[in-house]
């Protein structure tokens, strides 16, 4: 889901906003990192795989904000390398959730629906708060505008966790939780794969541009 949320520098015309942008990114980073920890802990202790799967989004977003802060003025190649690391993390975590889902199918564990619903609601509030803070920078560039798609996707994930909680409460079985978790894990794998493909393309383009620049430079020096 978080593959739609690449956050980079606003357009050159908004240099004055850069300090404010940096401050907002730090706040967004801490909110997402905190929610990742809360969902990871709650998911593990309540036995809810959909909460664990939803924490992937928060981890992915926190990484995005961290990368944005680290490479606010860095070359595209470094952003692309950072994206490769993020993609590997997303895909690894997605595979872990799917593996755990298969294991849970055999053990038949029923998660705690109250924890699922409460943490799902808290996550939804956190995502809305981050989207509201980043609203001022929506005109920055294509990446900043994509925060809306990103926030919407994250909010859908939170709502799905709450629906899974209702399903677990209503049926007394863990299947609603497993189905939502499997869907989210599949999205994380797909998102990670897309980020990886784009990053590799950017790295290749960067190398091509460097070669072209060097040959142009040599041509002039003769």
N, C-alpha and C. Protein backbone atom coordinates (compact mmCIF):
# COMPACT_ATOMS: atom_id res chain seq x y z
N UNK A 1 0.82 -1.20 0.00
CA UNK A 1 0.00 0.00 0.00
C UNK A 1 0.86 1.26 0.00
N UNK A 2 1.95 1.21 0.78
CA UNK A 2 2.75 2.43 0.87
C UNK A 2 3.61 2.68 -0.36
N UNK A 3 3.46 1.83 -1.41
CA UNK A 3 4.27 2.10 -2.61
C UNK A 3 3.82 3.39 -3.30
N UNK A 4 2.64 3.88 -2.93
CA UNK A 4 2.16 5.13 -3.55
C UNK A 4 2.65 6.36 -2.81
N UNK A 5 3.44 6.17 -1.77
CA UNK A 5 3.76 7.27 -0.86
C UNK A 5 5.20 7.71 -0.88
N UNK A 6 5.76 7.93 -2.03
CA UNK A 6 7.13 8.44 -2.07
C UNK A 6 7.09 9.94 -1.79
N UNK A 7 7.73 10.37 -0.71
CA UNK A 7 7.70 11.79 -0.35
C UNK A 7 9.07 12.39 -0.56
N UNK A 8 9.18 13.33 -1.47
CA UNK A 8 10.46 13.98 -1.71
C UNK A 8 10.33 15.50 -1.53
N UNK A 9 11.31 16.22 -2.02
CA UNK A 9 11.38 17.66 -1.81
C UNK A 9 10.29 18.41 -2.57
N UNK A 10 9.73 19.47 -1.97
CA UNK A 10 8.79 20.29 -2.72
C UNK A 10 9.51 21.01 -3.86
N UNK A 11 8.76 21.58 -4.77
CA UNK A 11 9.34 22.26 -5.93
C UNK A 11 10.29 23.38 -5.50
N UNK A 12 11.22 23.73 -6.39
CA UNK A 12 12.27 24.71 -6.07
C UNK A 12 11.69 26.05 -5.63
N UNK A 13 10.51 26.39 -6.13
CA UNK A 13 9.90 27.68 -5.82
C UNK A 13 9.50 27.81 -4.36
N UNK A 14 9.43 26.70 -3.63
CA UNK A 14 8.94 26.78 -2.25
C UNK A 14 10.07 26.55 -1.24
N UNK A 15 11.23 27.14 -1.50
CA UNK A 15 12.38 27.01 -0.60
C UNK A 15 12.04 27.51 0.81
N UNK A 16 11.24 28.59 0.88
CA UNK A 16 10.86 29.15 2.17
C UNK A 16 10.09 28.13 3.02
N UNK A 17 9.39 27.23 2.33
CA UNK A 17 8.60 26.23 3.04
C UNK A 17 9.44 25.06 3.52
N UNK A 18 10.70 24.99 3.08
CA UNK A 18 11.52 23.81 3.32
C UNK A 18 11.68 23.51 4.81
N UNK A 19 11.91 24.57 5.62
CA UNK A 19 12.07 24.36 7.07
C UNK A 19 10.79 23.79 7.68
N UNK A 20 9.65 24.35 7.25
CA UNK A 20 8.36 23.87 7.76
C UNK A 20 8.09 22.44 7.28
N UNK A 21 8.43 22.19 6.03
CA UNK A 21 8.27 20.86 5.42
C UNK A 21 9.09 19.83 6.21
N UNK A 22 10.34 20.23 6.54
CA UNK A 22 11.22 19.34 7.28
C UNK A 22 10.61 19.02 8.67
N UNK A 23 10.07 20.06 9.31
CA UNK A 23 9.48 19.89 10.65
C UNK A 23 8.26 18.95 10.58
N UNK A 24 7.41 19.16 9.56
CA UNK A 24 6.22 18.31 9.38
C UNK A 24 6.64 16.86 9.10
N UNK A 25 7.69 16.70 8.30
CA UNK A 25 8.17 15.35 8.01
C UNK A 25 8.65 14.63 9.28
N UNK A 26 9.33 15.37 10.16
CA UNK A 26 9.78 14.78 11.43
C UNK A 26 8.60 14.32 12.27
N UNK A 27 7.55 15.17 12.36
CA UNK A 27 6.36 14.81 13.15
C UNK A 27 5.69 13.58 12.54
N UNK A 28 5.55 13.58 11.20
CA UNK A 28 4.94 12.45 10.50
C UNK A 28 5.75 11.17 10.72
N UNK A 29 7.07 11.32 10.70
CA UNK A 29 7.96 10.17 10.91
C UNK A 29 7.73 9.56 12.30
N UNK A 30 7.67 10.42 13.34
CA UNK A 30 7.49 9.91 14.71
C UNK A 30 6.12 9.29 14.91
N UNK A 31 5.07 9.90 14.33
CA UNK A 31 3.72 9.32 14.45
C UNK A 31 3.68 7.93 13.82
N UNK A 32 4.25 7.82 12.60
CA UNK A 32 4.24 6.53 11.89
C UNK A 32 5.10 5.48 12.60
N UNK A 33 6.26 5.91 13.12
CA UNK A 33 7.13 4.97 13.83
C UNK A 33 6.46 4.46 15.11
N UNK A 34 5.79 5.39 15.82
CA UNK A 34 5.08 5.02 17.06
C UNK A 34 3.94 4.04 16.75
N UNK A 35 3.17 4.33 15.68
CA UNK A 35 2.05 3.45 15.32
C UNK A 35 2.54 2.08 14.85
N UNK A 36 3.68 2.06 14.19
CA UNK A 36 4.28 0.78 13.77
C UNK A 36 4.55 -0.07 15.02
N UNK A 37 5.17 0.56 16.03
CA UNK A 37 5.47 -0.15 17.27
C UNK A 37 4.21 -0.63 17.99
N UNK A 38 3.20 0.25 18.07
CA UNK A 38 1.93 -0.08 18.75
C UNK A 38 1.24 -1.25 18.05
N UNK A 39 1.16 -1.18 16.70
CA UNK A 39 0.46 -2.25 15.96
C UNK A 39 1.24 -3.57 16.00
N UNK A 40 2.56 -3.47 15.96
CA UNK A 40 3.38 -4.67 16.02
C UNK A 40 3.18 -5.38 17.36
N UNK A 41 3.26 -4.60 18.45
CA UNK A 41 3.09 -5.14 19.81
C UNK A 41 1.67 -5.68 20.01
N UNK A 42 0.66 -4.87 19.62
CA UNK A 42 -0.75 -5.27 19.79
C UNK A 42 -1.08 -6.49 18.95
N UNK A 43 -0.58 -6.49 17.72
CA UNK A 43 -0.85 -7.61 16.81
C UNK A 43 -0.29 -8.91 17.37
N UNK A 44 0.93 -8.83 17.89
CA UNK A 44 1.60 -10.02 18.44
C UNK A 44 0.86 -10.53 19.67
N UNK A 45 0.49 -9.61 20.57
CA UNK A 45 -0.13 -10.02 21.84
C UNK A 45 -1.60 -10.39 21.70
N UNK A 46 -2.30 -9.79 20.73
CA UNK A 46 -3.72 -10.12 20.56
C UNK A 46 -3.90 -11.29 19.60
N UNK A 47 -2.81 -11.69 18.94
CA UNK A 47 -2.89 -12.78 17.97
C UNK A 47 -3.49 -12.35 16.64
N UNK A 48 -3.54 -11.01 16.41
CA UNK A 48 -4.16 -10.51 15.17
C UNK A 48 -3.12 -10.30 14.07
N UNK A 49 -3.27 -11.08 13.01
CA UNK A 49 -2.36 -10.94 11.87
C UNK A 49 -2.67 -9.70 11.04
N UNK A 50 -3.95 -9.27 11.01
CA UNK A 50 -4.28 -8.08 10.21
C UNK A 50 -3.66 -6.83 10.84
N UNK A 51 -3.55 -6.79 12.17
CA UNK A 51 -2.87 -5.68 12.84
C UNK A 51 -1.38 -5.70 12.50
N UNK A 52 -0.78 -6.88 12.52
CA UNK A 52 0.63 -7.02 12.15
C UNK A 52 0.83 -6.57 10.71
N UNK A 53 -0.08 -6.98 9.83
CA UNK A 53 0.03 -6.62 8.41
C UNK A 53 -0.13 -5.12 8.21
N UNK A 54 -1.04 -4.51 8.98
CA UNK A 54 -1.27 -3.07 8.86
C UNK A 54 -0.05 -2.28 9.33
N UNK A 55 0.71 -2.87 10.25
CA UNK A 55 1.91 -2.18 10.74
C UNK A 55 2.95 -2.01 9.62
N UNK A 56 2.87 -2.84 8.57
CA UNK A 56 3.78 -2.70 7.41
C UNK A 56 3.65 -1.31 6.81
N UNK A 57 2.39 -0.83 6.71
CA UNK A 57 2.14 0.50 6.15
C UNK A 57 2.84 1.59 6.94
N UNK A 58 2.70 1.49 8.26
CA UNK A 58 3.34 2.51 9.11
C UNK A 58 4.86 2.43 9.02
N UNK A 59 5.39 1.22 8.94
CA UNK A 59 6.84 1.06 8.80
C UNK A 59 7.31 1.64 7.47
N UNK A 60 6.56 1.33 6.41
CA UNK A 60 6.91 1.84 5.07
C UNK A 60 6.87 3.35 5.01
N UNK A 61 5.83 3.94 5.63
CA UNK A 61 5.70 5.40 5.62
C UNK A 61 6.80 6.06 6.45
N UNK A 62 7.09 5.48 7.63
CA UNK A 62 8.16 6.03 8.48
C UNK A 62 9.48 6.01 7.72
N UNK A 63 9.73 4.91 7.00
CA UNK A 63 10.95 4.82 6.18
C UNK A 63 10.96 5.89 5.10
N UNK A 64 9.80 6.10 4.48
CA UNK A 64 9.70 7.14 3.43
C UNK A 64 10.06 8.52 3.97
N UNK A 65 9.48 8.87 5.13
CA UNK A 65 9.74 10.19 5.72
C UNK A 65 11.21 10.30 6.12
N UNK A 66 11.75 9.20 6.66
CA UNK A 66 13.16 9.19 7.06
C UNK A 66 14.08 9.41 5.86
N UNK A 67 13.77 8.70 4.78
CA UNK A 67 14.57 8.83 3.55
C UNK A 67 14.45 10.25 3.00
N UNK A 68 13.22 10.80 3.03
CA UNK A 68 13.01 12.17 2.54
C UNK A 68 13.86 13.16 3.32
N UNK A 69 13.92 12.98 4.64
CA UNK A 69 14.71 13.89 5.48
C UNK A 69 16.21 13.71 5.22
N UNK A 70 16.63 12.46 5.04
CA UNK A 70 18.06 12.18 4.85
C UNK A 70 18.56 12.66 3.50
N UNK A 71 17.70 12.57 2.49
CA UNK A 71 18.15 12.90 1.12
C UNK A 71 17.36 14.08 0.54
N UNK A 72 16.99 15.03 1.43
CA UNK A 72 16.18 16.16 0.99
C UNK A 72 16.83 16.88 -0.19
N UNK A 73 18.16 16.91 -0.20
CA UNK A 73 18.85 17.57 -1.32
C UNK A 73 19.81 16.61 -2.01
N UNK A 74 19.65 15.31 -1.79
CA UNK A 74 20.59 14.34 -2.36
C UNK A 74 20.20 13.95 -3.78
N UNK A 75 21.14 13.29 -4.44
CA UNK A 75 20.93 12.87 -5.83
C UNK A 75 19.88 11.76 -5.90
N UNK A 76 19.27 11.65 -7.06
CA UNK A 76 18.24 10.64 -7.30
C UNK A 76 18.77 9.23 -7.04
N UNK A 77 20.05 9.01 -7.38
CA UNK A 77 20.65 7.68 -7.21
C UNK A 77 20.57 7.22 -5.75
N UNK A 78 20.81 8.14 -4.81
CA UNK A 78 20.74 7.77 -3.39
C UNK A 78 19.32 7.48 -2.95
N UNK A 79 18.36 8.26 -3.49
CA UNK A 79 16.95 8.01 -3.19
C UNK A 79 16.55 6.63 -3.72
N UNK A 80 17.07 6.30 -4.91
CA UNK A 80 16.74 5.01 -5.53
C UNK A 80 17.34 3.86 -4.72
N UNK A 81 18.57 4.04 -4.22
CA UNK A 81 19.20 2.99 -3.41
C UNK A 81 18.42 2.79 -2.11
N UNK A 82 17.97 3.90 -1.52
CA UNK A 82 17.18 3.82 -0.28
C UNK A 82 15.86 3.10 -0.56
N UNK A 83 15.29 3.35 -1.74
CA UNK A 83 14.03 2.70 -2.12
C UNK A 83 14.19 1.19 -2.26
N UNK A 84 15.38 0.75 -2.73
CA UNK A 84 15.65 -0.69 -2.87
C UNK A 84 15.60 -1.35 -1.48
N UNK A 85 16.22 -0.70 -0.49
CA UNK A 85 16.23 -1.23 0.88
C UNK A 85 14.80 -1.32 1.41
N UNK A 86 14.01 -0.25 1.17
CA UNK A 86 12.63 -0.21 1.62
C UNK A 86 11.82 -1.33 0.96
N UNK A 87 12.03 -1.53 -0.34
CA UNK A 87 11.30 -2.57 -1.08
C UNK A 87 11.60 -3.95 -0.50
N UNK A 88 12.86 -4.22 -0.20
CA UNK A 88 13.25 -5.51 0.37
C UNK A 88 12.61 -5.72 1.74
N UNK A 89 12.55 -4.65 2.55
CA UNK A 89 11.89 -4.72 3.87
C UNK A 89 10.41 -5.05 3.73
N UNK A 90 9.74 -4.33 2.81
CA UNK A 90 8.29 -4.54 2.59
C UNK A 90 8.01 -5.97 2.16
N UNK A 91 8.79 -6.45 1.19
CA UNK A 91 8.57 -7.79 0.64
C UNK A 91 8.88 -8.87 1.69
N UNK A 92 9.93 -8.63 2.47
CA UNK A 92 10.30 -9.59 3.52
C UNK A 92 9.22 -9.68 4.58
N UNK A 93 8.69 -8.53 4.99
CA UNK A 93 7.65 -8.49 6.01
C UNK A 93 6.35 -9.09 5.49
N UNK A 94 6.04 -8.81 4.22
CA UNK A 94 4.84 -9.38 3.59
C UNK A 94 4.91 -10.90 3.56
N UNK A 95 6.08 -11.43 3.20
CA UNK A 95 6.29 -12.89 3.14
C UNK A 95 6.15 -13.51 4.54
N UNK A 96 6.66 -12.78 5.55
CA UNK A 96 6.58 -13.25 6.94
C UNK A 96 5.12 -13.37 7.40
N UNK A 97 4.31 -12.35 7.06
CA UNK A 97 2.88 -12.35 7.44
C UNK A 97 2.15 -13.52 6.76
N UNK A 98 2.44 -13.72 5.46
CA UNK A 98 1.80 -14.83 4.73
C UNK A 98 2.16 -16.17 5.36
N UNK A 99 3.44 -16.31 5.71
CA UNK A 99 3.90 -17.55 6.35
C UNK A 99 3.20 -17.78 7.68
N UNK A 100 3.07 -16.72 8.45
CA UNK A 100 2.41 -16.81 9.76
C UNK A 100 0.92 -17.13 9.58
N UNK A 101 0.31 -16.57 8.49
CA UNK A 101 -1.12 -16.84 8.22
C UNK A 101 -1.34 -18.32 7.96
N UNK A 102 -0.45 -18.92 7.19
CA UNK A 102 -0.54 -20.36 6.88
C UNK A 102 -0.43 -21.17 8.18
N UNK A 103 0.52 -20.78 9.05
CA UNK A 103 0.73 -21.47 10.32
C UNK A 103 -0.51 -21.33 11.22
N UNK A 104 -1.11 -20.12 11.25
CA UNK A 104 -2.29 -19.86 12.09
C UNK A 104 -3.50 -20.66 11.60
N UNK A 105 -3.58 -20.89 10.27
CA UNK A 105 -4.68 -21.68 9.72
C UNK A 105 -4.70 -23.08 10.34
N UNK A 106 -3.50 -23.61 10.61
CA UNK A 106 -3.41 -24.97 11.18
C UNK A 106 -3.67 -24.98 12.69
N UNK A 107 -3.30 -23.89 13.38
CA UNK A 107 -3.48 -23.86 14.83
C UNK A 107 -4.88 -23.36 15.22
N UNK A 108 -5.52 -22.60 14.32
CA UNK A 108 -6.89 -22.12 14.56
C UNK A 108 -7.02 -21.10 15.68
N UNK A 109 -6.01 -20.25 15.84
CA UNK A 109 -6.04 -19.23 16.89
C UNK A 109 -7.09 -18.15 16.59
N UNK A 110 -7.86 -17.75 17.61
CA UNK A 110 -8.83 -16.65 17.46
C UNK A 110 -8.25 -15.40 18.14
N UNK A 111 -8.03 -14.31 17.36
CA UNK A 111 -7.45 -13.09 17.96
C UNK A 111 -8.43 -12.34 18.85
N UNK A 112 -7.91 -11.39 19.64
CA UNK A 112 -8.73 -10.56 20.53
C UNK A 112 -9.33 -9.40 19.72
N UNK A 113 -10.64 -9.48 19.47
CA UNK A 113 -11.31 -8.51 18.60
C UNK A 113 -11.35 -7.11 19.20
N UNK A 114 -11.40 -6.99 20.54
CA UNK A 114 -11.46 -5.67 21.19
C UNK A 114 -10.18 -4.88 20.91
N UNK A 115 -9.02 -5.54 21.09
CA UNK A 115 -7.73 -4.90 20.80
C UNK A 115 -7.64 -4.51 19.34
N UNK A 116 -8.08 -5.42 18.45
CA UNK A 116 -8.05 -5.15 17.00
C UNK A 116 -8.82 -3.88 16.66
N UNK A 117 -10.05 -3.79 17.18
CA UNK A 117 -10.92 -2.64 16.88
C UNK A 117 -10.37 -1.33 17.42
N UNK A 118 -9.88 -1.37 18.67
CA UNK A 118 -9.37 -0.16 19.32
C UNK A 118 -8.11 0.35 18.63
N UNK A 119 -7.17 -0.55 18.33
CA UNK A 119 -5.91 -0.14 17.69
C UNK A 119 -6.16 0.28 16.24
N UNK A 120 -7.11 -0.39 15.58
CA UNK A 120 -7.48 -0.01 14.21
C UNK A 120 -8.00 1.42 14.15
N UNK A 121 -8.82 1.79 15.14
CA UNK A 121 -9.37 3.15 15.22
C UNK A 121 -8.26 4.17 15.50
N UNK A 122 -7.34 3.83 16.42
CA UNK A 122 -6.21 4.71 16.74
C UNK A 122 -5.34 4.94 15.49
N UNK A 123 -5.13 3.88 14.72
CA UNK A 123 -4.33 3.96 13.49
C UNK A 123 -5.00 4.87 12.46
N UNK A 124 -6.32 4.77 12.37
CA UNK A 124 -7.08 5.61 11.44
C UNK A 124 -6.92 7.09 11.81
N UNK A 125 -7.02 7.40 13.11
CA UNK A 125 -6.84 8.78 13.59
C UNK A 125 -5.44 9.28 13.25
N UNK A 126 -4.42 8.43 13.46
CA UNK A 126 -3.02 8.80 13.17
C UNK A 126 -2.83 9.13 11.70
N UNK A 127 -3.41 8.30 10.82
CA UNK A 127 -3.27 8.53 9.37
C UNK A 127 -3.96 9.82 8.94
N UNK A 128 -5.13 10.09 9.48
CA UNK A 128 -5.86 11.32 9.15
C UNK A 128 -5.06 12.54 9.62
N UNK A 129 -4.45 12.44 10.80
CA UNK A 129 -3.65 13.55 11.34
C UNK A 129 -2.45 13.86 10.45
N UNK A 130 -1.75 12.81 9.99
CA UNK A 130 -0.58 13.00 9.11
C UNK A 130 -1.01 13.61 7.77
N UNK A 131 -2.11 13.11 7.23
CA UNK A 131 -2.61 13.64 5.95
C UNK A 131 -2.97 15.12 6.08
N UNK A 132 -3.57 15.48 7.21
CA UNK A 132 -3.96 16.87 7.46
C UNK A 132 -2.72 17.76 7.53
N UNK A 133 -1.66 17.29 8.20
CA UNK A 133 -0.42 18.08 8.31
C UNK A 133 0.26 18.27 6.96
N UNK A 134 0.22 17.23 6.13
CA UNK A 134 0.92 17.29 4.84
C UNK A 134 0.09 17.99 3.75
N UNK A 135 -1.16 18.32 4.09
CA UNK A 135 -2.08 18.94 3.12
C UNK A 135 -1.48 20.21 2.53
N UNK A 136 -0.78 21.00 3.35
CA UNK A 136 -0.22 22.27 2.90
C UNK A 136 0.82 22.10 1.79
N UNK A 137 1.41 20.90 1.71
CA UNK A 137 2.49 20.68 0.74
C UNK A 137 2.02 19.87 -0.47
N UNK A 138 0.70 19.75 -0.62
CA UNK A 138 0.19 18.89 -1.70
C UNK A 138 0.57 19.39 -3.08
N UNK A 139 0.89 20.70 -3.23
CA UNK A 139 1.24 21.25 -4.54
C UNK A 139 2.74 21.15 -4.82
N UNK A 140 3.51 20.61 -3.86
CA UNK A 140 4.98 20.56 -4.00
C UNK A 140 5.45 19.93 -5.29
N UNK A 141 5.14 18.68 -5.49
CA UNK A 141 5.46 17.99 -6.75
C UNK A 141 4.56 16.76 -6.83
N UNK A 142 4.77 15.96 -7.86
CA UNK A 142 3.92 14.78 -8.04
C UNK A 142 3.98 13.86 -6.83
N UNK A 143 5.18 13.75 -6.24
CA UNK A 143 5.35 12.87 -5.09
C UNK A 143 4.56 13.35 -3.88
N UNK A 144 4.58 14.67 -3.66
CA UNK A 144 3.84 15.20 -2.53
C UNK A 144 2.34 15.06 -2.73
N UNK A 145 1.89 15.25 -3.98
CA UNK A 145 0.45 15.11 -4.25
C UNK A 145 0.00 13.67 -3.98
N UNK A 146 0.91 12.73 -4.17
CA UNK A 146 0.55 11.32 -4.00
C UNK A 146 0.26 10.97 -2.55
N UNK A 147 0.55 11.91 -1.62
CA UNK A 147 0.27 11.64 -0.21
C UNK A 147 -1.22 11.36 0.00
N UNK A 148 -2.06 11.93 -0.88
CA UNK A 148 -3.50 11.69 -0.73
C UNK A 148 -3.86 10.26 -1.05
N UNK A 149 -3.26 9.76 -2.14
CA UNK A 149 -3.48 8.36 -2.51
C UNK A 149 -2.97 7.46 -1.39
N UNK A 150 -1.80 7.82 -0.88
CA UNK A 150 -1.16 7.06 0.19
C UNK A 150 -2.01 7.03 1.45
N UNK A 151 -2.46 8.22 1.89
CA UNK A 151 -3.25 8.31 3.11
C UNK A 151 -4.58 7.58 2.96
N UNK A 152 -5.14 7.69 1.77
CA UNK A 152 -6.41 6.99 1.52
C UNK A 152 -6.20 5.47 1.63
N UNK A 153 -5.13 4.97 1.01
CA UNK A 153 -4.85 3.53 1.07
C UNK A 153 -4.61 3.07 2.50
N UNK A 154 -3.86 3.88 3.26
CA UNK A 154 -3.57 3.53 4.65
C UNK A 154 -4.86 3.50 5.47
N UNK A 155 -5.73 4.49 5.23
CA UNK A 155 -7.00 4.56 5.95
C UNK A 155 -7.88 3.35 5.62
N UNK A 156 -7.85 2.92 4.35
CA UNK A 156 -8.61 1.72 3.95
C UNK A 156 -8.12 0.52 4.75
N UNK A 157 -6.79 0.43 4.91
CA UNK A 157 -6.19 -0.66 5.70
C UNK A 157 -6.70 -0.65 7.13
N UNK A 158 -6.76 0.55 7.73
CA UNK A 158 -7.25 0.68 9.12
C UNK A 158 -8.70 0.25 9.24
N UNK A 159 -9.52 0.67 8.26
CA UNK A 159 -10.95 0.30 8.26
C UNK A 159 -11.10 -1.21 8.11
N UNK A 160 -10.26 -1.82 7.26
CA UNK A 160 -10.30 -3.28 7.07
C UNK A 160 -9.99 -4.02 8.37
N UNK A 161 -9.03 -3.49 9.14
CA UNK A 161 -8.71 -4.11 10.44
C UNK A 161 -9.93 -4.06 11.35
N UNK A 162 -10.63 -2.91 11.36
CA UNK A 162 -11.82 -2.78 12.21
C UNK A 162 -12.95 -3.71 11.73
N UNK A 163 -13.08 -3.87 10.41
CA UNK A 163 -14.08 -4.81 9.87
C UNK A 163 -13.72 -6.25 10.25
N UNK A 164 -12.41 -6.56 10.18
CA UNK A 164 -11.95 -7.90 10.57
C UNK A 164 -12.26 -8.15 12.04
N UNK A 165 -12.07 -7.11 12.87
CA UNK A 165 -12.38 -7.23 14.31
C UNK A 165 -13.86 -7.55 14.52
N UNK A 166 -14.72 -6.84 13.76
CA UNK A 166 -16.17 -7.10 13.84
C UNK A 166 -16.49 -8.52 13.38
N UNK A 167 -15.79 -8.95 12.32
CA UNK A 167 -15.98 -10.31 11.79
C UNK A 167 -15.58 -11.38 12.79
N UNK A 168 -14.46 -11.15 13.48
CA UNK A 168 -13.97 -12.10 14.49
C UNK A 168 -14.96 -12.17 15.66
N UNK A 169 -15.45 -10.99 16.07
CA UNK A 169 -16.41 -10.91 17.18
C UNK A 169 -17.72 -11.62 16.81
N UNK A 170 -18.16 -11.39 15.57
CA UNK A 170 -19.44 -11.97 15.12
C UNK A 170 -19.40 -13.47 14.88
N UNK A 171 -18.27 -13.95 14.34
CA UNK A 171 -18.20 -15.37 13.95
C UNK A 171 -17.50 -16.24 15.00
N UNK A 172 -16.73 -15.59 15.87
CA UNK A 172 -15.99 -16.36 16.87
C UNK A 172 -14.84 -17.16 16.27
N UNK A 173 -14.49 -16.83 15.03
CA UNK A 173 -13.36 -17.52 14.38
C UNK A 173 -12.32 -16.50 13.91
N UNK A 174 -11.13 -16.99 13.61
CA UNK A 174 -10.05 -16.11 13.19
C UNK A 174 -10.00 -15.85 11.69
N UNK A 175 -10.95 -16.43 10.93
CA UNK A 175 -10.89 -16.31 9.47
C UNK A 175 -10.94 -14.88 8.93
N UNK A 176 -11.85 -13.99 9.46
CA UNK A 176 -11.87 -12.61 8.94
C UNK A 176 -10.50 -11.93 9.08
N UNK A 177 -9.84 -12.18 10.22
CA UNK A 177 -8.51 -11.61 10.47
C UNK A 177 -7.49 -12.16 9.47
N UNK A 178 -7.55 -13.47 9.23
CA UNK A 178 -6.61 -14.12 8.29
C UNK A 178 -6.78 -13.61 6.87
N UNK A 179 -8.04 -13.46 6.45
CA UNK A 179 -8.32 -13.00 5.08
C UNK A 179 -7.79 -11.59 4.85
N UNK A 180 -8.06 -10.68 5.81
CA UNK A 180 -7.59 -9.29 5.71
C UNK A 180 -6.06 -9.25 5.72
N UNK A 181 -5.45 -10.04 6.62
CA UNK A 181 -3.99 -10.08 6.72
C UNK A 181 -3.35 -10.58 5.42
N UNK A 182 -3.93 -11.63 4.85
CA UNK A 182 -3.39 -12.19 3.61
C UNK A 182 -3.47 -11.17 2.47
N UNK A 183 -4.59 -10.44 2.40
CA UNK A 183 -4.76 -9.40 1.38
C UNK A 183 -3.73 -8.29 1.54
N UNK A 184 -3.52 -7.86 2.79
CA UNK A 184 -2.55 -6.79 3.05
C UNK A 184 -1.12 -7.24 2.76
N UNK A 185 -0.81 -8.48 3.13
CA UNK A 185 0.53 -9.01 2.89
C UNK A 185 0.80 -9.09 1.38
N UNK A 186 -0.23 -9.51 0.62
CA UNK A 186 -0.10 -9.58 -0.83
C UNK A 186 0.15 -8.19 -1.42
N UNK A 187 -0.57 -7.17 -0.87
CA UNK A 187 -0.37 -5.79 -1.32
C UNK A 187 1.04 -5.30 -0.99
N UNK A 188 1.57 -5.70 0.18
CA UNK A 188 2.93 -5.31 0.58
C UNK A 188 3.96 -5.92 -0.38
N UNK A 189 3.74 -7.19 -0.73
CA UNK A 189 4.65 -7.86 -1.68
C UNK A 189 4.60 -7.18 -3.04
N UNK A 190 3.38 -6.88 -3.49
CA UNK A 190 3.20 -6.22 -4.79
C UNK A 190 3.80 -4.81 -4.78
N UNK A 191 3.52 -4.07 -3.68
CA UNK A 191 4.05 -2.71 -3.54
C UNK A 191 5.58 -2.71 -3.51
N UNK A 192 6.15 -3.65 -2.76
CA UNK A 192 7.60 -3.77 -2.67
C UNK A 192 8.22 -4.05 -4.03
N UNK A 193 7.57 -4.93 -4.78
CA UNK A 193 8.04 -5.28 -6.12
C UNK A 193 8.01 -4.06 -7.05
N UNK A 194 6.94 -3.27 -6.96
CA UNK A 194 6.82 -2.07 -7.80
C UNK A 194 7.89 -1.03 -7.45
N UNK A 195 8.11 -0.83 -6.13
CA UNK A 195 9.13 0.12 -5.68
C UNK A 195 10.50 -0.33 -6.17
N UNK A 196 10.76 -1.65 -6.07
CA UNK A 196 12.04 -2.21 -6.53
C UNK A 196 12.25 -1.97 -8.02
N UNK A 197 11.20 -2.22 -8.82
CA UNK A 197 11.31 -2.03 -10.28
C UNK A 197 11.60 -0.57 -10.61
N UNK A 198 10.90 0.36 -9.96
CA UNK A 198 11.09 1.78 -10.23
C UNK A 198 12.49 2.22 -9.81
N UNK A 199 12.95 1.75 -8.64
CA UNK A 199 14.28 2.12 -8.14
C UNK A 199 15.37 1.63 -9.08
N UNK A 200 15.22 0.40 -9.57
CA UNK A 200 16.23 -0.15 -10.49
C UNK A 200 16.26 0.63 -11.80
N UNK A 201 15.06 1.05 -12.24
CA UNK A 201 14.97 1.84 -13.47
C UNK A 201 15.65 3.19 -13.28
N UNK A 202 15.42 3.82 -12.10
CA UNK A 202 16.05 5.12 -11.82
C UNK A 202 17.57 5.01 -11.73
N UNK A 203 18.04 3.91 -11.14
CA UNK A 203 19.50 3.69 -11.05
C UNK A 203 20.10 3.52 -12.43
N UNK A 204 19.39 2.75 -13.29
CA UNK A 204 19.86 2.54 -14.67
C UNK A 204 19.86 3.84 -15.46
N UNK A 205 18.79 4.64 -15.29
CA UNK A 205 18.70 5.95 -15.97
C UNK A 205 19.82 6.87 -15.52
N UNK A 206 20.12 6.82 -14.22
CA UNK A 206 21.18 7.65 -13.67
C UNK A 206 22.54 7.30 -14.26
N UNK A 207 22.78 5.99 -14.43
CA UNK A 207 24.05 5.54 -15.03
C UNK A 207 24.13 5.97 -16.49
N UNK A 208 23.01 5.85 -17.21
CA UNK A 208 22.97 6.27 -18.63
C UNK A 208 23.27 7.76 -18.74
N UNK A 209 22.65 8.55 -17.85
CA UNK A 209 22.85 10.00 -17.87
C UNK A 209 24.31 10.35 -17.57
N UNK A 210 24.92 9.61 -16.63
CA UNK A 210 26.33 9.85 -16.28
C UNK A 210 27.24 9.54 -17.46
N UNK A 211 26.95 8.43 -18.15
CA UNK A 211 27.75 8.05 -19.33
C UNK A 211 27.63 9.12 -20.42
N UNK A 212 26.38 9.57 -20.63
CA UNK A 212 26.13 10.59 -21.67
C UNK A 212 26.88 11.88 -21.33
N UNK A 213 26.84 12.25 -20.04
CA UNK A 213 27.52 13.47 -19.59
C UNK A 213 29.03 13.35 -19.80
N UNK A 214 29.58 12.18 -19.45
CA UNK A 214 31.03 11.97 -19.59
C UNK A 214 31.48 12.00 -21.04
N UNK A 215 30.70 11.35 -21.92
CA UNK A 215 31.08 11.32 -23.34
C UNK A 215 30.96 12.72 -23.95
N UNK A 216 29.94 13.49 -23.49
CA UNK A 216 29.75 14.86 -23.95
C UNK A 216 30.94 15.73 -23.51
N UNK A 217 31.35 15.53 -22.26
CA UNK A 217 32.45 16.27 -21.67
C UNK A 217 33.76 15.97 -22.42
N UNK A 218 34.01 14.67 -22.73
CA UNK A 218 35.21 14.27 -23.47
C UNK A 218 35.20 14.84 -24.86
N UNK A 219 34.00 14.88 -25.47
CA UNK A 219 33.86 15.42 -26.83
C UNK A 219 34.29 16.89 -26.89
N UNK A 220 33.94 17.64 -25.80
CA UNK A 220 34.28 19.07 -25.77
C UNK A 220 35.76 19.30 -25.47
N UNK A 221 36.38 18.36 -24.74
CA UNK A 221 37.77 18.58 -24.31
C UNK A 221 38.77 18.33 -25.44
N UNK A 222 38.30 17.72 -26.55
CA UNK A 222 39.23 17.49 -27.68
C UNK A 222 39.38 18.75 -28.52
